[in-house]
Amino acid sequence: MGGRLLARKALMQLLKLPNNAINLARNDKGKPVLVDIHDGSHDQKVQFNVSHDGQYVVLAAEWDRKVGVDIMQITRPVGTTSVKHFFHQMKRQFSEREWEQILQCQNEQQQLSTFFRLWCLKESYIKAIGTGIGMGLQRLEFELSPLSWRQVLVVNVASFC
């Protein structure tokens, strides 16, 4: 609910339109889109994406650019017996190089932080291009810089698109 309200408010401000002129729907892959109220077509000029987890909501919006966003709380997932067990369940979602980045961290909290950072990068990317996670996330690879939290190298996306 919060994400939809945030998207509506942002689009009203961005497009300078009243609330009743904003018509939101989902495309065939589930991505939220703005629908033209006159002819029902999707407005491709404004791209936006919303993510929420717990009490946090984030929105990204751009003109004429694909955009995706994801947010996750860094906690041990509910229903798992251990971080090791959780990682085993998620083995297929990351490349060997990404697992090396995760497992080289000094403790479980840092491992979870790295795991969720890589997960959010993957989710954000696939939300931007609109493919959904069924495309095989292992084929999409990121490398985190050990020097800066902000630097990310996209290693392999060519086979993903």
C-alpha atoms as a PDB file:
ATOM      1  CA  MET A   1       0.000   0.000   0.000  1.00  0.00           C
ATOM      2  CA  GLY A   2       2.768   2.457   0.944  1.00  0.00           C
ATOM      3  CA  GLY A   3       4.616   1.748  -2.293  1.00  0.00           C
ATOM      4  CA  ARG A   4       1.561   2.430  -4.436  1.00  0.00           C
ATOM      5  CA  LEU A   5       0.847   5.669  -2.613  1.00  0.00           C
ATOM      6  CA  LEU A   6       4.469   6.760  -2.946  1.00  0.00           C
ATOM      7  CA  ALA A   7       4.459   5.956  -6.683  1.00  0.00           C
ATOM      8  CA  ARG A   8       1.198   7.821  -7.225  1.00  0.00           C
ATOM      9  CA  LYS A   9       2.420  10.904  -5.331  1.00  0.00           C
ATOM     10  CA  ALA A  10       5.765  10.942  -7.161  1.00  0.00           C
ATOM     11  CA  LEU A  11       4.089  10.578 -10.562  1.00  0.00           C
ATOM     12  CA  MET A  12       1.620  13.353  -9.733  1.00  0.00           C
ATOM     13  CA  GLN A  13       4.521  15.679  -8.930  1.00  0.00           C
ATOM     14  CA  LEU A  14       6.713  14.535 -11.824  1.00  0.00           C
ATOM     15  CA  LEU A  15       3.965  14.781 -14.444  1.00  0.00           C
ATOM     16  CA  LYS A  16       2.118  17.694 -12.833  1.00  0.00           C
ATOM     17  CA  LEU A  17      -1.163  15.786 -13.047  1.00  0.00           C
ATOM     18  CA  PRO A  18      -4.028  15.404 -10.567  1.00  0.00           C
ATOM     19  CA  ASN A  19      -4.537  12.113  -8.769  1.00  0.00           C
ATOM     20  CA  ASN A  20      -7.476  11.076 -10.970  1.00  0.00           C
ATOM     21  CA  ALA A  21      -5.292  11.358 -14.101  1.00  0.00           C
ATOM     22  CA  ILE A  22      -2.779   8.781 -12.789  1.00  0.00           C
ATOM     23  CA  ASN A  23      -3.732   5.260 -13.834  1.00  0.00           C
ATOM     24  CA  LEU A  24      -1.369   2.498 -12.697  1.00  0.00           C
ATOM     25  CA  ALA A  25      -1.329  -1.107 -13.879  1.00  0.00           C
ATOM     26  CA  ARG A  26       1.142  -3.982 -14.229  1.00  0.00           C
ATOM     27  CA  ASN A  27       2.655  -5.222 -17.459  1.00  0.00           C
ATOM     28  CA  ASP A  28       2.744  -8.913 -18.403  1.00  0.00           C
ATOM     29  CA  LYS A  29       5.881  -9.413 -16.242  1.00  0.00           C
ATOM     30  CA  GLY A  30       4.328  -7.726 -13.205  1.00  0.00           C
ATOM     31  CA  LYS A  31       6.223  -4.438 -13.428  1.00  0.00           C
ATOM     32  CA  PRO A  32       4.168  -1.378 -12.476  1.00  0.00           C
ATOM     33  CA  VAL A  33       3.461   0.930 -15.414  1.00  0.00           C
ATOM     34  CA  LEU A  34       1.667   4.190 -16.025  1.00  0.00           C
ATOM     35  CA  VAL A  35      -1.343   3.744 -18.311  1.00  0.00           C
ATOM     36  CA  ASP A  36      -2.682   6.529 -20.517  1.00  0.00           C
ATOM     37  CA  ILE A  37      -6.200   7.277 -19.301  1.00  0.00           C
ATOM     38  CA  HIS A  38      -7.375   8.120 -22.830  1.00  0.00           C
ATOM     39  CA  ASP A  39      -6.280   5.115 -24.894  1.00  0.00           C
ATOM     40  CA  GLY A  40      -5.053   2.547 -22.331  1.00  0.00           C
ATOM     41  CA  SER A  41      -1.518   2.418 -23.737  1.00  0.00           C
ATOM     42  CA  HIS A  42       1.515   2.199 -21.457  1.00  0.00           C
ATOM     43  CA  ASP A  43       3.448   5.458 -21.131  1.00  0.00           C
ATOM     44  CA  GLN A  44       7.036   4.445 -21.902  1.00  0.00           C
ATOM     45  CA  LYS A  45       8.524   7.892 -21.231  1.00  0.00           C
ATOM     46  CA  VAL A  46       8.204   7.642 -17.469  1.00  0.00           C
ATOM     47  CA  GLN A  47       9.821   4.610 -15.875  1.00  0.00           C
ATOM     48  CA  PHE A  48       9.438   3.924 -12.174  1.00  0.00           C
ATOM     49  CA  ASN A  49       9.904   1.107  -9.727  1.00  0.00           C
ATOM     50  CA  VAL A  50       9.054   0.545  -6.086  1.00  0.00           C
ATOM     51  CA  SER A  51      10.388  -1.834  -3.464  1.00  0.00           C
ATOM     52  CA  HIS A  52       9.463  -2.342   0.161  1.00  0.00           C
ATOM     53  CA  ASP A  53      10.632  -4.519   3.001  1.00  0.00           C
ATOM     54  CA  GLY A  54       9.373  -4.215   6.544  1.00  0.00           C
ATOM     55  CA  GLN A  55       8.889  -0.556   7.396  1.00  0.00           C
ATOM     56  CA  TYR A  56      11.016   0.705   4.499  1.00  0.00           C
ATOM     57  CA  VAL A  57       9.802   1.778   1.055  1.00  0.00           C
ATOM     58  CA  VAL A  58      11.929   3.122  -1.795  1.00  0.00           C
ATOM     59  CA  LEU A  59      10.953   4.511  -5.203  1.00  0.00           C
ATOM     60  CA  ALA A  60      13.031   5.349  -8.262  1.00  0.00           C
ATOM     61  CA  ALA A  61      11.675   7.237 -11.285  1.00  0.00           C
ATOM     62  CA  GLU A  62      13.334   8.418 -14.508  1.00  0.00           C
ATOM     63  CA  TRP A  63      12.447   9.953 -17.853  1.00  0.00           C
ATOM     64  CA  ASP A  64      13.265   7.762 -20.869  1.00  0.00           C
ATOM     65  CA  ARG A  65      15.506   5.407 -18.849  1.00  0.00           C
ATOM     66  CA  LYS A  66      14.878   1.963 -17.483  1.00  0.00           C
ATOM     67  CA  VAL A  67      14.915   1.921 -13.711  1.00  0.00           C
ATOM     68  CA  GLY A  68      14.763  -0.783 -11.057  1.00  0.00           C
ATOM     69  CA  VAL A  69      15.177  -0.675  -7.313  1.00  0.00           C
ATOM     70  CA  ASP A  70      15.225  -3.196  -4.490  1.00  0.00           C
ATOM     71  CA  ILE A  71      15.576  -2.917  -0.734  1.00  0.00           C
ATOM     72  CA  MET A  72      16.089  -5.629   1.868  1.00  0.00           C
ATOM     73  CA  GLN A  73      16.613  -5.648   5.587  1.00  0.00           C
ATOM     74  CA  ILE A  74      19.799  -7.439   6.545  1.00  0.00           C
ATOM     75  CA  THR A  75      18.450 -10.159   8.807  1.00  0.00           C
ATOM     76  CA  ARG A  76      18.603 -13.916   8.908  1.00  0.00           C
ATOM     77  CA  PRO A  77      15.662 -15.094   6.809  1.00  0.00           C
ATOM     78  CA  VAL A  78      12.748 -16.506   8.791  1.00  0.00           C
ATOM     79  CA  GLY A  79      12.346 -20.260   8.612  1.00  0.00           C
ATOM     80  CA  THR A  80      16.005 -21.117   8.096  1.00  0.00           C
ATOM     81  CA  THR A  81      17.970 -23.100  10.629  1.00  0.00           C
ATOM     82  CA  SER A  82      21.240 -21.281   9.976  1.00  0.00           C
ATOM     83  CA  VAL A  83      22.925 -18.834   7.630  1.00  0.00           C
ATOM     84  CA  LYS A  84      24.815 -21.766   6.109  1.00  0.00           C
ATOM     85  CA  HIS A  85      21.515 -23.557   5.414  1.00  0.00           C
ATOM     86  CA  PHE A  86      20.024 -20.394   3.901  1.00  0.00           C
ATOM     87  CA  PHE A  87      23.051 -19.966   1.636  1.00  0.00           C
ATOM     88  CA  HIS A  88      22.729 -23.602   0.553  1.00  0.00           C
ATOM     89  CA  GLN A  89      19.087 -22.962  -0.425  1.00  0.00           C
ATOM     90  CA  MET A  90      20.139 -19.920  -2.458  1.00  0.00           C
ATOM     91  CA  LYS A  91      23.188 -21.575  -4.093  1.00  0.00           C
ATOM     92  CA  ARG A  92      21.790 -21.425  -7.637  1.00  0.00           C
ATOM     93  CA  GLN A  93      21.088 -17.686  -7.519  1.00  0.00           C
ATOM     94  CA  PHE A  94      24.736 -16.581  -7.521  1.00  0.00           C
ATOM     95  CA  SER A  95      27.832 -17.296  -9.569  1.00  0.00           C
ATOM     96  CA  GLU A  96      30.915 -18.934  -8.052  1.00  0.00           C
ATOM     97  CA  ARG A  97      32.690 -15.562  -8.003  1.00  0.00           C
ATOM     98  CA  GLU A  98      29.770 -13.971  -6.142  1.00  0.00           C
ATOM     99  CA  TRP A  99      29.793 -16.780  -3.566  1.00  0.00           C
ATOM    100  CA  GLU A 100      33.518 -16.186  -3.077  1.00  0.00           C
ATOM    101  CA  GLN A 101      32.735 -12.532  -2.300  1.00  0.00           C
ATOM    102  CA  ILE A 102      30.045 -13.540   0.191  1.00  0.00           C
ATOM    103  CA  LEU A 103      31.984 -16.280   1.964  1.00  0.00           C
ATOM    104  CA  GLN A 104      35.255 -14.356   2.263  1.00  0.00           C
ATOM    105  CA  CYS A 105      33.583 -12.008   4.769  1.00  0.00           C
ATOM    106  CA  GLN A 106      34.790 -12.372   8.333  1.00  0.00           C
ATOM    107  CA  ASN A 107      31.496 -13.186  10.061  1.00  0.00           C
ATOM    108  CA  GLU A 108      27.887 -14.177   9.329  1.00  0.00           C
ATOM    109  CA  GLN A 109      26.551 -10.615   9.619  1.00  0.00           C
ATOM    110  CA  GLN A 110      29.012  -9.368   6.983  1.00  0.00           C
ATOM    111  CA  GLN A 111      28.215 -12.398   4.830  1.00  0.00           C
ATOM    112  CA  LEU A 112      24.495 -11.614   5.036  1.00  0.00           C
ATOM    113  CA  SER A 113      25.189  -7.958   4.247  1.00  0.00           C
ATOM    114  CA  THR A 114      27.168  -8.896   1.138  1.00  0.00           C
ATOM    115  CA  PHE A 115      24.581 -11.495   0.148  1.00  0.00           C
ATOM    116  CA  PHE A 116      21.706  -8.990   0.348  1.00  0.00           C
ATOM    117  CA  ARG A 117      23.689  -6.307  -1.422  1.00  0.00           C
ATOM    118  CA  LEU A 118      24.315  -8.637  -4.360  1.00  0.00           C
ATOM    119  CA  TRP A 119      20.695  -9.832  -4.235  1.00  0.00           C
ATOM    120  CA  CYS A 120      19.399  -6.257  -4.371  1.00  0.00           C
ATOM    121  CA  LEU A 121      21.675  -5.479  -7.322  1.00  0.00           C
ATOM    122  CA  LYS A 122      20.309  -8.479  -9.215  1.00  0.00           C
ATOM    123  CA  GLU A 123      16.693  -7.685  -8.317  1.00  0.00           C
ATOM    124  CA  SER A 124      17.135  -4.031  -9.287  1.00  0.00           C
ATOM    125  CA  TYR A 125      18.634  -4.969 -12.640  1.00  0.00           C
ATOM    126  CA  ILE A 126      15.956  -7.479 -13.595  1.00  0.00           C
ATOM    127  CA  LYS A 127      13.221  -5.099 -12.438  1.00  0.00           C
ATOM    128  CA  ALA A 128      14.731  -2.412 -14.671  1.00  0.00           C
ATOM    129  CA  ILE A 129      14.816  -4.605 -17.766  1.00  0.00           C
ATOM    130  CA  GLY A 130      11.497  -6.209 -16.863  1.00  0.00           C
ATOM    131  CA  THR A 131      12.369  -9.890 -17.216  1.00  0.00           C
ATOM    132  CA  GLY A 132      11.514 -11.336 -13.803  1.00  0.00           C
ATOM    133  CA  ILE A 133      13.676 -13.660 -11.727  1.00  0.00           C
ATOM    134  CA  GLY A 134      12.805 -16.708 -13.830  1.00  0.00           C
ATOM    135  CA  MET A 135      15.646 -15.769 -16.187  1.00  0.00           C
ATOM    136  CA  GLY A 136      18.308 -17.468 -14.056  1.00  0.00           C
ATOM    137  CA  LEU A 137      20.001 -15.014 -11.713  1.00  0.00           C
ATOM    138  CA  GLN A 138      23.263 -16.965 -11.779  1.00  0.00           C
ATOM    139  CA  ARG A 139      23.810 -15.652 -15.309  1.00  0.00           C
ATOM    140  CA  LEU A 140      23.821 -12.087 -13.979  1.00  0.00           C
ATOM    141  CA  GLU A 141      27.040 -11.400 -12.085  1.00  0.00           C
ATOM    142  CA  PHE A 142      28.239  -8.440 -10.019  1.00  0.00           C
ATOM    143  CA  GLU A 143      31.555  -7.775  -8.350  1.00  0.00           C
ATOM    144  CA  LEU A 144      31.660  -5.542  -5.287  1.00  0.00           C
ATOM    145  CA  SER A 145      34.646  -3.304  -4.740  1.00  0.00           C
ATOM    146  CA  PRO A 146      36.508  -4.067  -1.518  1.00  0.00           C
ATOM    147  CA  LEU A 147      37.542  -0.398  -1.391  1.00  0.00           C
ATOM    148  CA  SER A 148      34.173   1.311  -1.597  1.00  0.00           C
ATOM    149  CA  TRP A 149      30.591   0.390  -0.745  1.00  0.00           C
ATOM    150  CA  ARG A 150      29.446   2.424  -3.754  1.00  0.00           C
ATOM    151  CA  GLN A 151      31.563   0.814  -6.452  1.00  0.00           C
ATOM    152  CA  VAL A 152      30.099  -2.153  -8.281  1.00  0.00           C
ATOM    153  CA  LEU A 153      31.400  -3.886 -11.383  1.00  0.00           C
ATOM    154  CA  VAL A 154      28.885  -5.574 -13.638  1.00  0.00           C
ATOM    155  CA  VAL A 155      30.800  -8.639 -14.716  1.00  0.00           C
ATOM    156  CA  ASN A 156      28.352 -10.528 -16.893  1.00  0.00           C
ATOM    157  CA  VAL A 157      24.999  -9.366 -18.202  1.00  0.00           C
ATOM    158  CA  ALA A 158      25.365  -9.907 -21.953  1.00  0.00           C
ATOM    159  CA  SER A 159      23.913 -13.403 -21.882  1.00  0.00           C
ATOM    160  CA  PHE A 160      21.141 -12.249 -19.586  1.00  0.00           C
ATOM    161  CA  CYS A 161      19.385  -9.654 -21.740  1.00  0.00           C
END
